């Protein structure tokens, strides 16, 4: 099965920072963006494994994403 190359998505870099939010209790991880001014987190996708994390990074053209607990 051929995979189509996805168009890279954009976000407002002056207003948001990419973050992977991790739960200490359950280990659940969610990728999204944190508003720099308010600290509000907007979830984009659930991270179940390493390939999900890589997919998130590729979608937005990121080389690394910090984790928050």
PDB file of N, CA and C in Angstrom:
ATOM      1  N   UNK A   1       0.837  -1.176   0.000  1.00  0.00           N
ATOM      2  CA  UNK A   1       0.000   0.000   0.000  1.00  0.00           C
ATOM      3  C   UNK A   1       0.886   1.244   0.000  1.00  0.00           C
ATOM      4  N   UNK A   2       0.639   2.143  -0.908  1.00  0.00           N
ATOM      5  CA  UNK A   2       1.433   3.364  -1.008  1.00  0.00           C
ATOM      6  C   UNK A   2       0.900   4.426  -0.064  1.00  0.00           C
ATOM      7  N   UNK A   3       1.812   5.089   0.601  1.00  0.00           N
ATOM      8  CA  UNK A   3       1.428   6.193   1.470  1.00  0.00           C
ATOM      9  C   UNK A   3       1.598   7.495   0.709  1.00  0.00           C
ATOM     10  N   UNK A   4       0.581   8.328   0.768  1.00  0.00           N
ATOM     11  CA  UNK A   4       0.699   9.645   0.153  1.00  0.00           C
ATOM     12  C   UNK A   4       1.437  10.563   1.117  1.00  0.00           C
ATOM     13  N   UNK A   5       2.326  11.351   0.582  1.00  0.00           N
ATOM     14  CA  UNK A   5       3.028  12.303   1.428  1.00  0.00           C
ATOM     15  C   UNK A   5       2.035  13.381   1.851  1.00  0.00           C
ATOM     16  N   UNK A   6       1.914  13.560   3.156  1.00  0.00           N
ATOM     17  CA  UNK A   6       0.963  14.531   3.676  1.00  0.00           C
ATOM     18  C   UNK A   6       1.520  15.938   3.550  1.00  0.00           C
ATOM     19  N   UNK A   7       0.623  16.866   3.291  1.00  0.00           N
ATOM     20  CA  UNK A   7       1.009  18.265   3.252  1.00  0.00           C
ATOM     21  C   UNK A   7       1.333  18.703   4.675  1.00  0.00           C
ATOM     22  N   UNK A   8       2.429  19.398   4.818  1.00  0.00           N
ATOM     23  CA  UNK A   8       2.849  19.832   6.146  1.00  0.00           C
ATOM     24  C   UNK A   8       1.884  20.884   6.679  1.00  0.00           C
ATOM     25  N   UNK A   9       1.446  20.686   7.904  1.00  0.00           N
ATOM     26  CA  UNK A   9       0.532  21.630   8.548  1.00  0.00           C
ATOM     27  C   UNK A   9       1.330  22.745   9.205  1.00  0.00           C
ATOM     28  N   UNK A  10       0.659  23.854   9.443  1.00  0.00           N
ATOM     29  CA  UNK A  10       1.318  24.996  10.072  1.00  0.00           C
ATOM     30  C   UNK A  10       0.598  25.385  11.357  1.00  0.00           C
ATOM     31  N   UNK A  11       1.321  26.090  12.218  1.00  0.00           N
ATOM     32  CA  UNK A  11       0.745  26.647  13.441  1.00  0.00           C
ATOM     33  C   UNK A  11       1.414  27.994  13.682  1.00  0.00           C
ATOM     34  N   UNK A  12       0.791  28.829  14.482  1.00  0.00           N
ATOM     35  CA  UNK A  12       1.317  30.165  14.770  1.00  0.00           C
ATOM     36  C   UNK A  12       2.463  30.048  15.767  1.00  0.00           C
ATOM     37  N   UNK A  13       3.693  30.099  15.273  1.00  0.00           N
ATOM     38  CA  UNK A  13       4.886  29.914  16.103  1.00  0.00           C
ATOM     39  C   UNK A  13       5.083  31.050  17.105  1.00  0.00           C
ATOM     40  N   UNK A  14       4.506  32.216  16.828  1.00  0.00           N
ATOM     41  CA  UNK A  14       4.640  33.333  17.763  1.00  0.00           C
ATOM     42  C   UNK A  14       3.691  33.197  18.947  1.00  0.00           C
ATOM     43  N   UNK A  15       2.685  32.332  18.809  1.00  0.00           N
ATOM     44  CA  UNK A  15       1.672  32.186  19.853  1.00  0.00           C
ATOM     45  C   UNK A  15       1.655  30.826  20.534  1.00  0.00           C
ATOM     46  N   UNK A  16       2.114  29.791  19.829  1.00  0.00           N
ATOM     47  CA  UNK A  16       2.042  28.429  20.359  1.00  0.00           C
ATOM     48  C   UNK A  16       3.397  27.737  20.321  1.00  0.00           C
ATOM     49  N   UNK A  17       3.569  26.799  21.234  1.00  0.00           N
ATOM     50  CA  UNK A  17       4.768  25.962  21.255  1.00  0.00           C
ATOM     51  C   UNK A  17       4.319  24.493  21.262  1.00  0.00           C
ATOM     52  N   UNK A  18       4.957  23.639  20.452  1.00  0.00           N
ATOM     53  CA  UNK A  18       4.568  22.229  20.433  1.00  0.00           C
ATOM     54  C   UNK A  18       4.995  21.517  21.713  1.00  0.00           C
ATOM     55  N   UNK A  19       4.132  20.624  22.203  1.00  0.00           N
ATOM     56  CA  UNK A  19       4.386  19.922  23.464  1.00  0.00           C
ATOM     57  C   UNK A  19       3.761  18.533  23.406  1.00  0.00           C
ATOM     58  N   UNK A  20       4.406  17.572  24.060  1.00  0.00           N
ATOM     59  CA  UNK A  20       3.777  16.282  24.313  1.00  0.00           C
ATOM     60  C   UNK A  20       3.485  16.248  25.805  1.00  0.00           C
ATOM     61  N   UNK A  21       2.214  16.188  26.131  1.00  0.00           N
ATOM     62  CA  UNK A  21       1.776  16.193  27.523  1.00  0.00           C
ATOM     63  C   UNK A  21       1.652  14.760  28.011  1.00  0.00           C
ATOM     64  N   UNK A  22       2.341  14.445  29.113  1.00  0.00           N
ATOM     65  CA  UNK A  22       2.379  13.079  29.648  1.00  0.00           C
ATOM     66  C   UNK A  22       1.758  13.037  31.040  1.00  0.00           C
ATOM     67  N   UNK A  23       0.931  12.030  31.271  1.00  0.00           N
ATOM     68  CA  UNK A  23       0.336  11.829  32.587  1.00  0.00           C
ATOM     69  C   UNK A  23       1.280  10.976  33.429  1.00  0.00           C
ATOM     70  N   UNK A  24       1.582  11.438  34.623  1.00  0.00           N
ATOM     71  CA  UNK A  24       2.442  10.681  35.526  1.00  0.00           C
ATOM     72  C   UNK A  24       1.720   9.416  36.005  1.00  0.00           C
ATOM     73  N   UNK A  25       0.424   9.512  36.245  1.00  0.00           N
ATOM     74  CA  UNK A  25      -0.347   8.393  36.790  1.00  0.00           C
ATOM     75  C   UNK A  25      -0.616   7.289  35.766  1.00  0.00           C
ATOM     76  N   UNK A  26      -1.134   7.661  34.605  1.00  0.00           N
ATOM     77  CA  UNK A  26      -1.574   6.664  33.635  1.00  0.00           C
ATOM     78  C   UNK A  26      -0.576   6.408  32.521  1.00  0.00           C
ATOM     79  N   UNK A  27       0.349   7.333  32.292  1.00  0.00           N
ATOM     80  CA  UNK A  27       1.305   7.188  31.200  1.00  0.00           C
ATOM     81  C   UNK A  27       0.743   7.648  29.867  1.00  0.00           C
ATOM     82  N   UNK A  28      -0.502   8.105  29.853  1.00  0.00           N
ATOM     83  CA  UNK A  28      -1.113   8.580  28.618  1.00  0.00           C
ATOM     84  C   UNK A  28      -0.356   9.804  28.099  1.00  0.00           C
ATOM     85  N   UNK A  29      -0.198   9.875  26.776  1.00  0.00           N
ATOM     86  CA  UNK A  29       0.506  10.987  26.152  1.00  0.00           C
ATOM     87  C   UNK A  29      -0.365  11.606  25.070  1.00  0.00           C
ATOM     88  N   UNK A  30      -0.360  12.931  25.006  1.00  0.00           N
ATOM     89  CA  UNK A  30      -1.109  13.652  23.983  1.00  0.00           C
ATOM     90  C   UNK A  30      -0.208  14.718  23.378  1.00  0.00           C
ATOM     91  N   UNK A  31      -0.222  14.810  22.063  1.00  0.00           N
ATOM     92  CA  UNK A  31       0.569  15.823  21.364  1.00  0.00           C
ATOM     93  C   UNK A  31      -0.336  16.996  21.034  1.00  0.00           C
ATOM     94  N   UNK A  32       0.221  18.185  21.131  1.00  0.00           N
ATOM     95  CA  UNK A  32      -0.560  19.371  20.820  1.00  0.00           C
ATOM     96  C   UNK A  32       0.275  20.621  20.961  1.00  0.00           C
ATOM     97  N   UNK A  33      -0.420  21.728  21.193  1.00  0.00           N
ATOM     98  CA  UNK A  33       0.244  23.021  21.271  1.00  0.00           C
ATOM     99  C   UNK A  33      -0.187  23.775  22.521  1.00  0.00           C
ATOM    100  N   UNK A  34       0.776  24.409  23.140  1.00  0.00           N
ATOM    101  CA  UNK A  34       0.541  25.175  24.362  1.00  0.00           C
ATOM    102  C   UNK A  34       0.606  26.655  24.027  1.00  0.00           C
ATOM    103  N   UNK A  35      -0.422  27.386  24.437  1.00  0.00           N
ATOM    104  CA  UNK A  35      -0.462  28.829  24.237  1.00  0.00           C
ATOM    105  C   UNK A  35       0.602  29.459  25.126  1.00  0.00           C
ATOM    106  N   UNK A  36       1.494  30.209  24.555  1.00  0.00           N
ATOM    107  CA  UNK A  36       2.618  30.797  25.291  1.00  0.00           C
ATOM    108  C   UNK A  36       2.137  31.775  26.365  1.00  0.00           C
ATOM    109  N   UNK A  37       1.088  32.540  26.077  1.00  0.00           N
ATOM    110  CA  UNK A  37       0.614  33.548  27.022  1.00  0.00           C
ATOM    111  C   UNK A  37      -0.253  32.966  28.136  1.00  0.00           C
ATOM    112  N   UNK A  38      -1.168  32.077  27.789  1.00  0.00           N
ATOM    113  CA  UNK A  38      -2.120  31.585  28.790  1.00  0.00           C
ATOM    114  C   UNK A  38      -1.731  30.236  29.390  1.00  0.00           C
ATOM    115  N   UNK A  39      -0.893  29.461  28.683  1.00  0.00           N
ATOM    116  CA  UNK A  39      -0.523  28.139  29.154  1.00  0.00           C
ATOM    117  C   UNK A  39      -1.558  27.075  28.815  1.00  0.00           C
ATOM    118  N   UNK A  40      -2.621  27.465  28.117  1.00  0.00           N
ATOM    119  CA  UNK A  40      -3.681  26.535  27.735  1.00  0.00           C
ATOM    120  C   UNK A  40      -3.155  25.544  26.701  1.00  0.00           C
ATOM    121  N   UNK A  41      -3.457  24.251  26.901  1.00  0.00           N
ATOM    122  CA  UNK A  41      -2.996  23.193  26.005  1.00  0.00           C
ATOM    123  C   UNK A  41      -4.118  22.798  25.064  1.00  0.00           C
ATOM    124  N   UNK A  42      -3.818  22.725  23.775  1.00  0.00           N
ATOM    125  CA  UNK A  42      -4.789  22.297  22.775  1.00  0.00           C
ATOM    126  C   UNK A  42      -4.302  20.980  22.173  1.00  0.00           C
ATOM    127  N   UNK A  43      -5.015  19.906  22.460  1.00  0.00           N
ATOM    128  CA  UNK A  43      -4.620  18.575  22.007  1.00  0.00           C
ATOM    129  C   UNK A  43      -4.894  18.398  20.517  1.00  0.00           C
ATOM    130  N   UNK A  44      -3.922  17.808  19.812  1.00  0.00           N
ATOM    131  CA  UNK A  44      -4.066  17.517  18.391  1.00  0.00           C
ATOM    132  C   UNK A  44      -4.264  16.024  18.176  1.00  0.00           C
ATOM    133  N   UNK A  45      -3.475  15.209  18.894  1.00  0.00           N
ATOM    134  CA  UNK A  45      -3.600  13.758  18.726  1.00  0.00           C
ATOM    135  C   UNK A  45      -3.095  13.012  19.944  1.00  0.00           C
ATOM    136  N   UNK A  46      -3.612  11.807  20.123  1.00  0.00           N
ATOM    137  CA  UNK A  46      -3.184  10.915  21.190  1.00  0.00           C
ATOM    138  C   UNK A  46      -1.940  10.176  20.713  1.00  0.00           C
ATOM    139  N   UNK A  47      -0.937  10.062  21.565  1.00  0.00           N
ATOM    140  CA  UNK A  47       0.301   9.359  21.233  1.00  0.00           C
ATOM    141  C   UNK A  47       0.263   7.993  21.908  1.00  0.00           C
ATOM    142  N   UNK A  48       0.153   6.936  21.088  1.00  0.00           N
ATOM    143  CA  UNK A  48       0.103   5.578  21.629  1.00  0.00           C
ATOM    144  C   UNK A  48       1.445   4.868  21.512  1.00  0.00           C
ATOM    145  N   UNK A  49       2.274   5.320  20.564  1.00  0.00           N
ATOM    146  CA  UNK A  49       3.578   4.682  20.363  1.00  0.00           C
ATOM    147  C   UNK A  49       4.528   5.652  19.648  1.00  0.00           C
ATOM    148  N   UNK A  50       5.726   5.186  19.402  1.00  0.00           N
ATOM    149  CA  UNK A  50       6.764   6.026  18.793  1.00  0.00           C
ATOM    150  C   UNK A  50       6.384   6.484  17.379  1.00  0.00           C
ATOM    151  N   UNK A  51       5.688   5.641  16.637  1.00  0.00           N
ATOM    152  CA  UNK A  51       5.305   6.040  15.280  1.00  0.00           C
ATOM    153  C   UNK A  51       4.283   7.183  15.295  1.00  0.00           C
ATOM    154  N   UNK A  52       3.418   7.231  16.312  1.00  0.00           N
ATOM    155  CA  UNK A  52       2.484   8.357  16.454  1.00  0.00           C
ATOM    156  C   UNK A  52       3.247   9.655  16.720  1.00  0.00           C
ATOM    157  N   UNK A  53       4.264   9.569  17.577  1.00  0.00           N
ATOM    158  CA  UNK A  53       5.071  10.753  17.889  1.00  0.00           C
ATOM    159  C   UNK A  53       5.785  11.257  16.636  1.00  0.00           C
ATOM    160  N   UNK A  54       6.352  10.334  15.873  1.00  0.00           N
ATOM    161  CA  UNK A  54       7.044  10.703  14.634  1.00  0.00           C
ATOM    162  C   UNK A  54       6.074  11.304  13.619  1.00  0.00           C
ATOM    163  N   UNK A  55       4.866  10.755  13.541  1.00  0.00           N
ATOM    164  CA  UNK A  55       3.858  11.275  12.620  1.00  0.00           C
ATOM    165  C   UNK A  55       3.489  12.713  12.978  1.00  0.00           C
ATOM    166  N   UNK A  56       3.323  13.000  14.267  1.00  0.00           N
ATOM    167  CA  UNK A  56       3.021  14.356  14.719  1.00  0.00           C
ATOM    168  C   UNK A  56       4.144  15.313  14.324  1.00  0.00           C
ATOM    169  N   UNK A  57       5.383  14.890  14.557  1.00  0.00           N
ATOM    170  CA  UNK A  57       6.530  15.731  14.241  1.00  0.00           C
ATOM    171  C   UNK A  57       6.633  15.988  12.731  1.00  0.00           C
ATOM    172  N   UNK A  58       6.359  14.979  11.927  1.00  0.00           N
ATOM    173  CA  UNK A  58       6.407  15.138  10.469  1.00  0.00           C
ATOM    174  C   UNK A  58       5.297  16.048   9.965  1.00  0.00           C
ATOM    175  N   UNK A  59       4.100  15.925  10.557  1.00  0.00           N
ATOM    176  CA  UNK A  59       2.965  16.749  10.129  1.00  0.00           C
ATOM    177  C   UNK A  59       3.257  18.239  10.270  1.00  0.00           C
ATOM    178  N   UNK A  60       3.980  18.591  11.320  1.00  0.00           N
ATOM    179  CA  UNK A  60       4.234  20.001  11.604  1.00  0.00           C
ATOM    180  C   UNK A  60       5.683  20.415  11.347  1.00  0.00           C
ATOM    181  N   UNK A  61       6.499  19.532  10.796  1.00  0.00           N
ATOM    182  CA  UNK A  61       7.879  19.858  10.455  1.00  0.00           C
ATOM    183  C   UNK A  61       8.744  20.144  11.668  1.00  0.00           C
ATOM    184  N   UNK A  62       8.594  19.344  12.717  1.00  0.00           N
ATOM    185  CA  UNK A  62       9.321  19.561  13.967  1.00  0.00           C
ATOM    186  C   UNK A  62      10.495  18.592  14.070  1.00  0.00           C
ATOM    187  N   UNK A  63      11.604  19.066  14.630  1.00  0.00           N
ATOM    188  CA  UNK A  63      12.753  18.182  14.816  1.00  0.00           C
ATOM    189  C   UNK A  63      12.748  17.547  16.206  1.00  0.00           C
ATOM    190  N   UNK A  64      12.164  18.242  17.172  1.00  0.00           N
ATOM    191  CA  UNK A  64      12.001  17.677  18.511  1.00  0.00           C
ATOM    192  C   UNK A  64      10.824  18.353  19.209  1.00  0.00           C
ATOM    193  N   UNK A  65      10.228  17.618  20.131  1.00  0.00           N
ATOM    194  CA  UNK A  65       9.082  18.124  20.882  1.00  0.00           C
ATOM    195  C   UNK A  65       9.307  17.822  22.355  1.00  0.00           C
ATOM    196  N   UNK A  66       9.327  18.847  23.198  1.00  0.00           N
ATOM    197  CA  UNK A  66       9.521  18.599  24.640  1.00  0.00           C
ATOM    198  C   UNK A  66       8.315  17.928  25.269  1.00  0.00           C
ATOM    199  N   UNK A  67       8.567  17.205  26.349  1.00  0.00           N
ATOM    200  CA  UNK A  67       7.500  16.547  27.109  1.00  0.00           C
ATOM    201  C   UNK A  67       7.226  17.344  28.375  1.00  0.00           C
ATOM    202  N   UNK A  68       5.951  17.425  28.726  1.00  0.00           N
ATOM    203  CA  UNK A  68       5.529  18.067  29.973  1.00  0.00           C
ATOM    204  C   UNK A  68       4.792  17.045  30.812  1.00  0.00           C
ATOM    205  N   UNK A  69       5.068  17.061  32.115  1.00  0.00           N
ATOM    206  CA  UNK A  69       4.396  16.125  33.023  1.00  0.00           C
ATOM    207  C   UNK A  69       3.469  16.869  33.952  1.00  0.00           C
TER     208      UNK A  69
END
